[in-house]
Amino acid sequence: MTEKFPSAEKLKSKILIDRLFAEGRSLFKYPIKLIYIPVADKELANHKTGVSVPKRNFKKAVDRNYLKRLMREAYRKNKYLVNDNLPAYYAFMFIYTGKERISYSQVENSMIWMMKKLNEKEKNHEKSAT
């Protein structure tokens, strides 16, 4: 399993982002919120992921970029948790909701917890659907 985060895995589609916020389900582990939705697109060959840090909480672009970099790195290092365990492809949006800068280890712990919880939820959802 490669630990790259290529452009093909980045969430860029405005249509998909709008659908994600309209129909998506969410998980929360302070200070990060995950919004996700299954994508039934046949051409999609992997999960699509985006990160966001609100300007309302961090006025300086330096701080927002730092936190986005941390979240992308934590996802990149641990994406095997969703790639190996989820049956379908998903669109993810990680939103930083805290009001202070935190360390990489705190971001990574939140991301890992959410990815494991997502696996559990979707496996239970899949079992109840069949």
C-alpha atoms as a PDB file:
ATOM      1  CA  MET A   1       0.000   0.000   0.000  1.00  0.00           C
ATOM      2  CA  THR A   2       1.377   3.321  -1.068  1.00  0.00           C
ATOM      3  CA  GLU A   3       1.206   6.269   1.310  1.00  0.00           C
ATOM      4  CA  LYS A   4       0.946   8.900  -1.398  1.00  0.00           C
ATOM      5  CA  PHE A   5      -1.862  11.434  -1.615  1.00  0.00           C
ATOM      6  CA  PRO A   6      -2.080  12.079  -5.369  1.00  0.00           C
ATOM      7  CA  SER A   7      -4.341  14.565  -7.085  1.00  0.00           C
ATOM      8  CA  ALA A   8      -6.716  11.748  -8.084  1.00  0.00           C
ATOM      9  CA  GLU A   9      -7.609  11.259  -4.395  1.00  0.00           C
ATOM     10  CA  LYS A  10      -8.333  14.929  -3.685  1.00  0.00           C
ATOM     11  CA  LEU A  11     -11.911  16.142  -3.442  1.00  0.00           C
ATOM     12  CA  LYS A  12     -12.289  18.875  -6.065  1.00  0.00           C
ATOM     13  CA  SER A  13     -15.715  18.413  -7.650  1.00  0.00           C
ATOM     14  CA  LYS A  14     -18.094  21.229  -6.685  1.00  0.00           C
ATOM     15  CA  ILE A  15     -21.059  18.958  -7.387  1.00  0.00           C
ATOM     16  CA  LEU A  16     -19.707  16.240  -5.102  1.00  0.00           C
ATOM     17  CA  ILE A  17     -18.832  18.755  -2.364  1.00  0.00           C
ATOM     18  CA  ASP A  18     -22.353  20.242  -2.472  1.00  0.00           C
ATOM     19  CA  ARG A  19     -23.875  16.753  -2.312  1.00  0.00           C
ATOM     20  CA  LEU A  20     -21.548  15.865   0.565  1.00  0.00           C
ATOM     21  CA  PHE A  21     -22.776  18.783   2.683  1.00  0.00           C
ATOM     22  CA  ALA A  22     -26.430  18.262   1.702  1.00  0.00           C
ATOM     23  CA  GLU A  23     -26.696  14.491   2.175  1.00  0.00           C
ATOM     24  CA  GLY A  24     -23.591  13.450   4.090  1.00  0.00           C
ATOM     25  CA  ARG A  25     -23.374  11.770   7.462  1.00  0.00           C
ATOM     26  CA  SER A  26     -20.885  12.904  10.066  1.00  0.00           C
ATOM     27  CA  LEU A  27     -18.597  11.822  12.878  1.00  0.00           C
ATOM     28  CA  PHE A  28     -16.922  14.061  15.412  1.00  0.00           C
ATOM     29  CA  LYS A  29     -13.879  13.679  17.630  1.00  0.00           C
ATOM     30  CA  TYR A  30     -12.537  16.943  18.949  1.00  0.00           C
ATOM     31  CA  PRO A  31     -11.153  18.942  17.175  1.00  0.00           C
ATOM     32  CA  ILE A  32     -12.059  17.369  13.814  1.00  0.00           C
ATOM     33  CA  LYS A  33     -15.395  16.645  12.193  1.00  0.00           C
ATOM     34  CA  LEU A  34     -15.698  14.130   9.366  1.00  0.00           C
ATOM     35  CA  ILE A  35     -18.494  14.388   6.814  1.00  0.00           C
ATOM     36  CA  TYR A  36     -18.762  11.438   4.446  1.00  0.00           C
ATOM     37  CA  ILE A  37     -20.977  10.010   1.767  1.00  0.00           C
ATOM     38  CA  PRO A  38     -20.739   6.856  -0.370  1.00  0.00           C
ATOM     39  CA  VAL A  39     -20.093   7.578  -4.032  1.00  0.00           C
ATOM     40  CA  ALA A  40     -21.642   5.259  -6.612  1.00  0.00           C
ATOM     41  CA  ASP A  41     -19.668   6.671  -9.550  1.00  0.00           C
ATOM     42  CA  LYS A  42     -18.352   3.787 -11.642  1.00  0.00           C
ATOM     43  CA  GLU A  43     -15.292   5.756 -12.760  1.00  0.00           C
ATOM     44  CA  LEU A  44     -14.170   6.485  -9.218  1.00  0.00           C
ATOM     45  CA  ALA A  45     -11.112   4.367  -8.478  1.00  0.00           C
ATOM     46  CA  ASN A  46     -10.445   5.584  -4.931  1.00  0.00           C
ATOM     47  CA  HIS A  47     -11.782   7.674  -2.065  1.00  0.00           C
ATOM     48  CA  LYS A  48     -11.979  11.453  -2.534  1.00  0.00           C
ATOM     49  CA  THR A  49     -10.772  13.498   0.426  1.00  0.00           C
ATOM     50  CA  GLY A  50     -10.783  17.180   1.308  1.00  0.00           C
ATOM     51  CA  VAL A  51      -9.712  19.173   4.360  1.00  0.00           C
ATOM     52  CA  SER A  52     -10.989  22.499   5.629  1.00  0.00           C
ATOM     53  CA  VAL A  53     -10.093  24.978   8.362  1.00  0.00           C
ATOM     54  CA  PRO A  54     -12.603  27.834   8.822  1.00  0.00           C
ATOM     55  CA  LYS A  55     -11.390  31.384   8.405  1.00  0.00           C
ATOM     56  CA  ARG A  56     -13.737  32.320  11.258  1.00  0.00           C
ATOM     57  CA  ASN A  57     -11.527  30.404  13.735  1.00  0.00           C
ATOM     58  CA  PHE A  58      -8.101  31.206  12.265  1.00  0.00           C
ATOM     59  CA  LYS A  59      -7.704  34.635  10.694  1.00  0.00           C
ATOM     60  CA  LYS A  60      -4.129  34.058   9.512  1.00  0.00           C
ATOM     61  CA  ALA A  61      -3.630  31.931   6.413  1.00  0.00           C
ATOM     62  CA  VAL A  62      -0.401  30.609   7.943  1.00  0.00           C
ATOM     63  CA  ASP A  63      -2.366  28.965  10.762  1.00  0.00           C
ATOM     64  CA  ARG A  64      -5.037  27.550   8.431  1.00  0.00           C
ATOM     65  CA  ASN A  65      -2.428  26.122   6.067  1.00  0.00           C
ATOM     66  CA  TYR A  66      -0.494  24.573   8.970  1.00  0.00           C
ATOM     67  CA  LEU A  67      -3.577  22.760  10.253  1.00  0.00           C
ATOM     68  CA  LYS A  68      -4.617  21.617   6.780  1.00  0.00           C
ATOM     69  CA  ARG A  69      -1.118  20.249   6.245  1.00  0.00           C
ATOM     70  CA  LEU A  70      -1.373  18.311   9.532  1.00  0.00           C
ATOM     71  CA  MET A  71      -4.753  16.829   8.604  1.00  0.00           C
ATOM     72  CA  ARG A  72      -3.612  15.814   5.108  1.00  0.00           C
ATOM     73  CA  GLU A  73      -0.503  14.171   6.554  1.00  0.00           C
ATOM     74  CA  ALA A  74      -2.503  12.289   9.211  1.00  0.00           C
ATOM     75  CA  TYR A  75      -4.920  11.064   6.535  1.00  0.00           C
ATOM     76  CA  ARG A  76      -2.102  10.111   4.157  1.00  0.00           C
ATOM     77  CA  LYS A  77      -0.292   8.046   6.803  1.00  0.00           C
ATOM     78  CA  ASN A  78      -3.458   6.254   7.973  1.00  0.00           C
ATOM     79  CA  LYS A  79      -5.651   5.994   4.887  1.00  0.00           C
ATOM     80  CA  TYR A  80      -5.088   2.235   4.843  1.00  0.00           C
ATOM     81  CA  LEU A  81      -7.728   2.102   7.615  1.00  0.00           C
ATOM     82  CA  VAL A  82     -10.425   3.072   5.116  1.00  0.00           C
ATOM     83  CA  ASN A  83      -8.888   1.774   1.888  1.00  0.00           C
ATOM     84  CA  ASP A  84      -8.568  -1.794   3.155  1.00  0.00           C
ATOM     85  CA  ASN A  85     -11.837  -2.054   5.075  1.00  0.00           C
ATOM     86  CA  LEU A  86     -14.595  -0.201   3.222  1.00  0.00           C
ATOM     87  CA  PRO A  87     -16.413  -2.051   0.420  1.00  0.00           C
ATOM     88  CA  ALA A  88     -17.407   1.065  -1.572  1.00  0.00           C
ATOM     89  CA  TYR A  89     -15.725   4.356  -2.377  1.00  0.00           C
ATOM     90  CA  TYR A  90     -16.485   7.433  -0.307  1.00  0.00           C
ATOM     91  CA  ALA A  91     -16.073  11.190  -0.401  1.00  0.00           C
ATOM     92  CA  PHE A  92     -14.650  12.603   2.846  1.00  0.00           C
ATOM     93  CA  MET A  93     -14.370  16.129   4.182  1.00  0.00           C
ATOM     94  CA  PHE A  94     -12.345  16.681   7.340  1.00  0.00           C
ATOM     95  CA  ILE A  95     -13.196  19.984   9.032  1.00  0.00           C
ATOM     96  CA  TYR A  96     -11.098  21.409  11.851  1.00  0.00           C
ATOM     97  CA  THR A  97     -13.499  22.793  14.479  1.00  0.00           C
ATOM     98  CA  GLY A  98     -11.093  23.736  17.284  1.00  0.00           C
ATOM     99  CA  LYS A  99     -10.061  27.291  18.034  1.00  0.00           C
ATOM    100  CA  GLU A 100      -6.386  26.708  18.842  1.00  0.00           C
ATOM    101  CA  ARG A 101      -3.422  25.148  17.072  1.00  0.00           C
ATOM    102  CA  ILE A 102      -2.686  21.634  18.284  1.00  0.00           C
ATOM    103  CA  SER A 103       0.055  19.087  17.762  1.00  0.00           C
ATOM    104  CA  TYR A 104       0.243  16.485  15.021  1.00  0.00           C
ATOM    105  CA  SER A 105      -0.264  13.638  17.504  1.00  0.00           C
ATOM    106  CA  GLN A 106      -3.629  15.052  18.612  1.00  0.00           C
ATOM    107  CA  VAL A 107      -4.764  15.463  15.007  1.00  0.00           C
ATOM    108  CA  GLU A 108      -3.600  11.952  14.140  1.00  0.00           C
ATOM    109  CA  ASN A 109      -5.395  10.415  17.148  1.00  0.00           C
ATOM    110  CA  SER A 110      -8.661  12.085  16.136  1.00  0.00           C
ATOM    111  CA  MET A 111      -8.291  10.986  12.519  1.00  0.00           C
ATOM    112  CA  ILE A 112      -7.509   7.373  13.436  1.00  0.00           C
ATOM    113  CA  TRP A 113     -10.461   7.217  15.841  1.00  0.00           C
ATOM    114  CA  MET A 114     -12.828   8.583  13.184  1.00  0.00           C
ATOM    115  CA  MET A 115     -11.600   6.204  10.481  1.00  0.00           C
ATOM    116  CA  LYS A 116     -12.024   3.201  12.781  1.00  0.00           C
ATOM    117  CA  LYS A 117     -15.483   4.407  13.828  1.00  0.00           C
ATOM    118  CA  LEU A 118     -16.408   4.890  10.158  1.00  0.00           C
ATOM    119  CA  ASN A 119     -15.393   1.287   9.430  1.00  0.00           C
ATOM    120  CA  GLU A 120     -17.582   0.029  12.290  1.00  0.00           C
ATOM    121  CA  LYS A 121     -20.576   2.145  11.270  1.00  0.00           C
ATOM    122  CA  GLU A 122     -20.437   1.159   7.625  1.00  0.00           C
ATOM    123  CA  LYS A 123     -19.998  -2.545   8.387  1.00  0.00           C
ATOM    124  CA  ASN A 124     -23.044  -2.410  10.685  1.00  0.00           C
ATOM    125  CA  HIS A 125     -24.975  -0.419   8.070  1.00  0.00           C
ATOM    126  CA  GLU A 126     -24.018  -2.959   5.396  1.00  0.00           C
ATOM    127  CA  LYS A 127     -25.127  -5.910   7.569  1.00  0.00           C
ATOM    128  CA  SER A 128     -28.498  -4.280   8.335  1.00  0.00           C
ATOM    129  CA  ALA A 129     -29.064  -3.511   4.638  1.00  0.00           C
ATOM    130  CA  THR A 130     -28.720  -7.169   3.612  1.00  0.00           C
END
